[in-house]
Amino acid sequence: MTTVFENEQFQHILCELEQGVGKLILNRVEKHNAFDEVMIAEIIKALALFAANSHCQILVLKANGKHFSAGADLNWMRKQAQMDFEQNLADANELARLMHDLDKFPKPTLVQVQGAAFGGALGLICCCDIAVASPKSSFCLSEVKLGLIPAVISPYVVRAMGNRASRRYMLTAERFGAEKALELQVLHEVSDDLDAASQPLIDALLSNSPQGMDWCKKLIARMESGEINQDTLDYTTDRISNIRVSDEGQEGLNAFFEKRQPNWHKAEE
């Protein structure tokens, strides 16, 4: 395992890279990986570094300790209570930037969840492409219990859970378990062994065209509205035409017809 970004001094996260798999690890175990302004800034920086690193083909988000994340740090919340509107707006914008950067990360993302995943942690999960969790993991959108709302994470949570389920769980702030999260499409798989369950998914992702997966993520985002009009048709035909004549598209097609494994790195040169 290789530690990356050694010149960066991270307090609350760890970053590793091995054989194309980047790992961003929440490492504030004594606080159950609760969010504060420091952790948010560090994750934003790490995402940018992983995105720019050509050796990183996919990103795994995980956490050390018993819990994925207990949500917002209490001391951070106390600071927010003392802030004026402009200060709260700047603070909220940083969390919004984190969610956006993870959601739009140009490479596939896979999150492994154990224990509690409350508040903003649920937002992180919904921003990732693939989510795997342990059977005893638990989830909660607890903001209304504090007189708040899950505002910044709501676009990603509502997209994953749907409007109807979001109405229930955002309003009741009730906890729900892994099987319910699976039913609500927050998770893709539930397993006692997160690494074992993740490995086939990681292997599949590593075998695919990096450019193809990047463009696929952009395509899916563009199709979220469900509207099919001339603009949609023009966009999709342009995308497939462009990728067919690109280096990776040519390498993939030629490899298929020549009955060999594609060399994506050669196509990137």
Protein backbone atom coordinates (compact mmCIF):
# COMPACT_ATOMS: atom_id res chain seq x y z
CA MET A 1 0.00 0.00 0.00
CA THR A 2 1.39 3.39 -1.00
CA THR A 3 0.67 6.54 0.94
CA VAL A 4 0.15 9.41 -1.50
CA PHE A 5 0.32 13.18 -1.22
CA GLU A 6 3.02 12.92 1.45
CA ASN A 7 3.61 16.67 1.33
CA GLU A 8 0.03 17.26 2.43
CA GLN A 9 -0.58 17.40 6.15
CA PHE A 10 -3.98 15.81 6.73
CA GLN A 11 -5.36 15.62 10.28
CA HIS A 12 -8.62 13.74 9.80
CA ILE A 13 -8.19 11.63 6.65
CA LEU A 14 -5.72 9.19 5.08
CA CYS A 15 -4.99 8.82 1.37
CA GLU A 16 -3.61 5.67 -0.25
CA LEU A 17 -3.07 4.50 -3.82
CA GLU A 18 -2.27 1.01 -5.03
CA GLN A 19 -2.70 -0.63 -8.44
CA GLY A 20 -5.05 2.04 -9.71
CA VAL A 21 -7.27 2.11 -6.61
CA GLY A 22 -7.24 5.33 -4.61
CA LYS A 23 -8.52 5.19 -1.06
CA LEU A 24 -9.81 8.20 0.84
CA ILE A 25 -10.18 7.08 4.44
CA LEU A 26 -11.99 9.03 7.16
CA ASN A 27 -9.69 8.76 10.17
CA ARG A 28 -11.16 10.72 13.05
CA VAL A 29 -11.98 7.59 14.98
CA GLU A 30 -12.14 9.20 18.43
CA LYS A 31 -14.99 11.42 17.16
CA HIS A 32 -16.68 8.63 15.17
CA ASN A 33 -15.48 10.39 11.99
CA ALA A 34 -17.77 13.35 12.60
CA PHE A 35 -17.55 16.22 10.14
CA ASP A 36 -16.01 19.57 10.98
CA GLU A 37 -14.60 22.37 8.83
CA VAL A 38 -11.13 20.79 8.87
CA MET A 39 -12.32 17.39 7.62
CA ILE A 40 -14.46 19.00 4.93
CA ALA A 41 -11.51 21.07 3.64
CA GLU A 42 -9.25 18.02 3.67
CA ILE A 43 -11.68 15.86 1.72
CA ILE A 44 -12.11 18.62 -0.88
CA LYS A 45 -8.34 18.85 -1.31
CA ALA A 46 -7.91 15.07 -1.47
CA LEU A 47 -10.63 14.71 -4.11
CA ALA A 48 -8.86 17.27 -6.30
CA LEU A 49 -5.53 15.49 -5.89
CA PHE A 50 -6.98 12.06 -6.69
CA ALA A 51 -8.84 13.47 -9.70
CA ALA A 52 -5.60 14.92 -11.10
CA ASN A 53 -3.55 11.75 -10.46
CA SER A 54 -3.35 9.66 -13.64
CA HIS A 55 -2.49 6.54 -11.60
CA CYS A 56 -5.84 6.71 -9.79
CA GLN A 57 -8.43 4.88 -11.88
CA ILE A 58 -11.15 4.51 -9.25
CA LEU A 59 -11.74 5.95 -5.77
CA VAL A 60 -12.86 4.03 -2.68
CA LEU A 61 -14.29 6.10 0.18
CA LYS A 62 -14.18 4.32 3.54
CA ALA A 63 -13.66 4.99 7.24
CA ASN A 64 -11.56 3.63 10.05
CA GLY A 65 -13.21 2.67 13.33
CA LYS A 66 -16.62 1.38 14.32
CA HIS A 67 -18.64 4.00 12.43
CA PHE A 68 -18.53 5.46 8.95
CA SER A 69 -19.51 8.88 10.29
CA ALA A 70 -21.75 10.15 13.06
CA GLY A 71 -22.54 13.29 11.05
CA ALA A 72 -21.76 16.81 12.19
CA ASP A 73 -19.20 17.39 14.94
CA LEU A 74 -20.78 18.93 18.05
CA ASN A 75 -18.09 21.59 18.47
CA TRP A 76 -18.49 22.56 14.83
CA MET A 77 -22.24 22.89 15.37
CA ARG A 78 -21.62 25.13 18.40
CA LYS A 79 -19.50 27.40 16.21
CA GLN A 80 -22.25 27.52 13.60
CA ALA A 81 -24.76 28.59 16.24
CA GLN A 82 -22.57 31.62 16.98
CA MET A 83 -22.03 32.60 13.33
CA ASP A 84 -23.95 35.33 11.53
CA PHE A 85 -25.69 34.69 8.22
CA GLU A 86 -22.70 35.47 6.01
CA GLN A 87 -20.43 33.20 8.03
CA ASN A 88 -23.00 30.39 7.95
CA LEU A 89 -23.37 30.84 4.18
CA ALA A 90 -19.62 30.51 3.66
CA ASP A 91 -19.56 27.44 5.91
CA ALA A 92 -22.47 25.81 4.08
CA ASN A 93 -20.87 26.54 0.72
CA GLU A 94 -17.83 24.46 1.69
CA LEU A 95 -20.01 21.45 2.49
CA ALA A 96 -21.91 22.01 -0.77
CA ARG A 97 -18.60 22.09 -2.63
CA LEU A 98 -17.57 18.80 -1.03
CA MET A 99 -20.79 17.07 -2.07
CA HIS A 100 -20.60 18.49 -5.59
CA ASP A 101 -16.94 17.52 -6.05
CA LEU A 102 -17.61 13.95 -4.93
CA ASP A 103 -20.75 13.67 -7.04
CA LYS A 104 -18.93 14.96 -10.14
CA PHE A 105 -15.66 13.11 -9.48
CA PRO A 106 -14.40 12.09 -12.96
CA LYS A 107 -13.63 8.48 -12.00
CA PRO A 108 -15.86 5.76 -10.52
CA THR A 109 -16.43 6.02 -6.78
CA LEU A 110 -17.28 3.22 -4.36
CA VAL A 111 -18.15 3.78 -0.70
CA GLN A 112 -17.87 1.20 2.07
CA VAL A 113 -20.11 1.82 5.08
CA GLN A 114 -20.03 0.35 8.57
CA GLY A 115 -21.85 1.43 11.71
CA ALA A 116 -23.54 4.82 11.79
CA ALA A 117 -23.94 7.02 8.73
CA PHE A 118 -25.93 10.03 9.88
CA GLY A 119 -26.73 13.41 8.35
CA GLY A 120 -24.01 14.59 5.99
CA ALA A 121 -22.53 11.08 5.91
CA LEU A 122 -25.66 9.89 4.13
CA GLY A 123 -25.08 12.68 1.64
CA LEU A 124 -21.57 11.37 0.94
CA ILE A 125 -22.95 7.88 0.32
CA CYS A 126 -25.56 9.15 -2.11
CA CYS A 127 -22.88 11.07 -4.03
CA CYS A 128 -20.89 7.90 -4.71
CA ASP A 129 -21.53 5.72 -7.75
CA ILE A 130 -21.63 2.43 -5.82
CA ALA A 131 -22.39 1.83 -2.14
CA VAL A 132 -21.69 -1.31 -0.09
CA ALA A 133 -22.53 -1.56 3.61
CA SER A 134 -22.39 -3.99 6.51
CA PRO A 135 -25.65 -5.56 7.78
CA LYS A 136 -25.46 -3.63 11.06
CA SER A 137 -24.98 -0.22 9.48
CA SER A 138 -27.63 2.38 10.28
CA PHE A 139 -28.74 5.59 8.65
CA CYS A 140 -30.55 8.73 9.77
CA LEU A 141 -31.49 12.17 8.49
CA SER A 142 -31.71 13.65 11.97
CA GLU A 143 -31.60 17.37 11.17
CA VAL A 144 -35.21 18.22 12.06
CA LYS A 145 -34.64 16.95 15.61
CA LEU A 146 -32.25 19.89 15.97
CA GLY A 147 -34.54 22.42 14.30
CA LEU A 148 -32.52 22.18 11.07
CA ILE A 149 -32.97 20.69 7.60
CA PRO A 150 -30.73 18.42 5.45
CA ALA A 151 -30.49 21.19 2.88
CA VAL A 152 -27.05 20.81 1.31
CA ILE A 153 -27.26 17.02 0.97
CA SER A 154 -30.89 17.00 -0.17
CA PRO A 155 -30.26 17.00 -3.97
CA TYR A 156 -28.24 13.81 -3.68
CA VAL A 157 -30.39 12.08 -1.06
CA VAL A 158 -33.67 12.82 -2.86
CA ARG A 159 -32.15 11.65 -6.16
CA ALA A 160 -31.14 8.34 -4.56
CA MET A 161 -34.16 7.68 -2.31
CA GLY A 162 -36.85 9.34 -4.37
CA ASN A 163 -39.23 12.07 -3.30
CA ARG A 164 -41.71 9.82 -1.50
CA ALA A 165 -39.17 8.11 0.77
CA SER A 166 -37.40 11.41 1.39
CA ARG A 167 -40.62 12.91 2.69
CA ARG A 168 -40.84 10.20 5.32
CA TYR A 169 -37.25 9.97 6.49
CA MET A 170 -36.42 13.68 6.38
CA LEU A 171 -39.59 14.50 8.34
CA THR A 172 -39.53 11.69 10.90
CA ALA A 173 -35.72 11.61 11.42
CA GLU A 174 -36.13 7.92 12.20
CA ARG A 175 -33.22 5.54 11.91
CA PHE A 176 -33.28 2.81 9.30
CA GLY A 177 -31.02 -0.16 8.74
CA ALA A 178 -29.05 -1.64 5.88
CA GLU A 179 -31.89 -3.69 4.41
CA LYS A 180 -34.16 -0.65 4.28
CA ALA A 181 -31.32 1.41 2.76
CA LEU A 182 -30.95 -1.31 0.13
CA GLU A 183 -34.68 -1.16 -0.58
CA LEU A 184 -34.49 2.65 -0.85
CA GLN A 185 -31.59 2.41 -3.35
CA VAL A 186 -29.18 4.19 -1.02
CA LEU A 187 -27.09 0.98 -1.11
CA HIS A 188 -26.30 -1.53 -3.83
CA GLU A 189 -25.09 -4.42 -1.66
CA VAL A 190 -25.04 -5.51 1.98
CA SER A 191 -22.24 -7.79 3.17
CA ASP A 192 -20.46 -8.88 6.33
CA ASP A 193 -17.16 -8.51 4.47
CA LEU A 194 -16.98 -5.11 2.79
CA ASP A 195 -13.63 -5.72 1.11
CA ALA A 196 -14.71 -9.09 -0.29
CA ALA A 197 -17.98 -7.65 -1.58
CA SER A 198 -16.19 -4.67 -3.10
CA GLN A 199 -13.44 -6.57 -4.88
CA PRO A 200 -15.49 -7.91 -7.84
CA LEU A 201 -16.85 -4.40 -8.38
CA ILE A 202 -13.35 -2.91 -8.23
CA ASP A 203 -12.05 -5.54 -10.65
CA ALA A 204 -14.86 -4.79 -13.08
CA LEU A 205 -14.21 -1.04 -12.91
CA LEU A 206 -10.46 -1.45 -13.40
CA SER A 207 -11.05 -3.48 -16.56
CA ASN A 208 -13.10 -0.75 -18.23
CA SER A 209 -12.14 2.26 -20.32
CA PRO A 210 -11.28 5.21 -18.03
CA GLN A 211 -12.57 7.68 -20.62
CA GLY A 212 -15.67 5.58 -21.19
CA MET A 213 -16.53 5.56 -17.48
CA ASP A 214 -15.91 9.32 -17.17
CA TRP A 215 -18.16 10.04 -20.14
CA CYS A 216 -20.72 7.56 -18.86
CA LYS A 217 -20.97 9.41 -15.54
CA LYS A 218 -21.53 12.68 -17.42
CA LEU A 219 -24.13 11.00 -19.63
CA ILE A 220 -26.07 9.67 -16.63
CA ALA A 221 -26.03 13.11 -14.99
CA ARG A 222 -27.35 14.68 -18.18
CA MET A 223 -30.21 12.15 -18.34
CA GLU A 224 -31.40 12.71 -14.75
CA SER A 225 -34.35 14.89 -15.74
CA GLY A 226 -35.80 12.06 -17.83
CA GLU A 227 -36.78 14.52 -20.56
CA ILE A 228 -36.29 13.26 -24.11
CA ASN A 229 -36.23 16.11 -26.62
CA GLN A 230 -34.13 17.12 -29.63
CA ASP A 231 -31.40 18.47 -27.35
CA THR A 232 -31.22 15.04 -25.66
CA LEU A 233 -31.01 13.28 -29.00
CA ASP A 234 -28.33 15.67 -30.29
CA TYR A 235 -26.27 15.25 -27.13
CA THR A 236 -26.37 11.44 -27.16
CA THR A 237 -25.53 11.11 -30.87
CA ASP A 238 -22.67 13.58 -30.50
CA ARG A 239 -21.26 11.68 -27.51
CA ILE A 240 -21.30 8.25 -29.17
CA SER A 241 -19.84 9.63 -32.39
CA ASN A 242 -17.02 11.38 -30.55
CA ILE A 243 -16.11 8.41 -28.39
CA ARG A 244 -16.08 6.02 -31.36
CA VAL A 245 -13.32 8.04 -33.03
CA SER A 246 -11.38 8.76 -29.81
CA ASP A 247 -8.18 6.88 -28.99
CA GLU A 248 -9.80 4.80 -26.26
CA GLY A 249 -12.86 4.12 -28.37
CA GLN A 250 -10.67 2.90 -31.22
CA GLU A 251 -8.55 0.79 -28.85
CA GLY A 252 -11.63 -0.83 -27.32
CA LEU A 253 -13.22 -1.65 -30.67
CA ASN A 254 -9.98 -2.95 -32.18
CA ALA A 255 -9.27 -5.09 -29.09
CA PHE A 256 -12.75 -6.61 -29.32
CA PHE A 257 -12.39 -7.56 -32.99
CA GLU A 258 -8.81 -8.78 -32.45
CA LYS A 259 -9.95 -10.88 -29.47
CA ARG A 260 -7.48 -9.34 -27.02
CA GLN A 261 -7.60 -7.28 -23.83
CA PRO A 262 -7.64 -3.53 -24.50
CA ASN A 263 -4.63 -1.49 -23.43
CA TRP A 264 -6.26 1.64 -22.08
CA HIS A 265 -2.94 3.14 -20.97
CA LYS A 266 -1.62 2.91 -24.52
CA ALA A 267 -4.71 4.75 -25.72
CA GLU A 268 -4.06 7.54 -23.21
CA GLU A 269 -0.49 8.15 -24.46
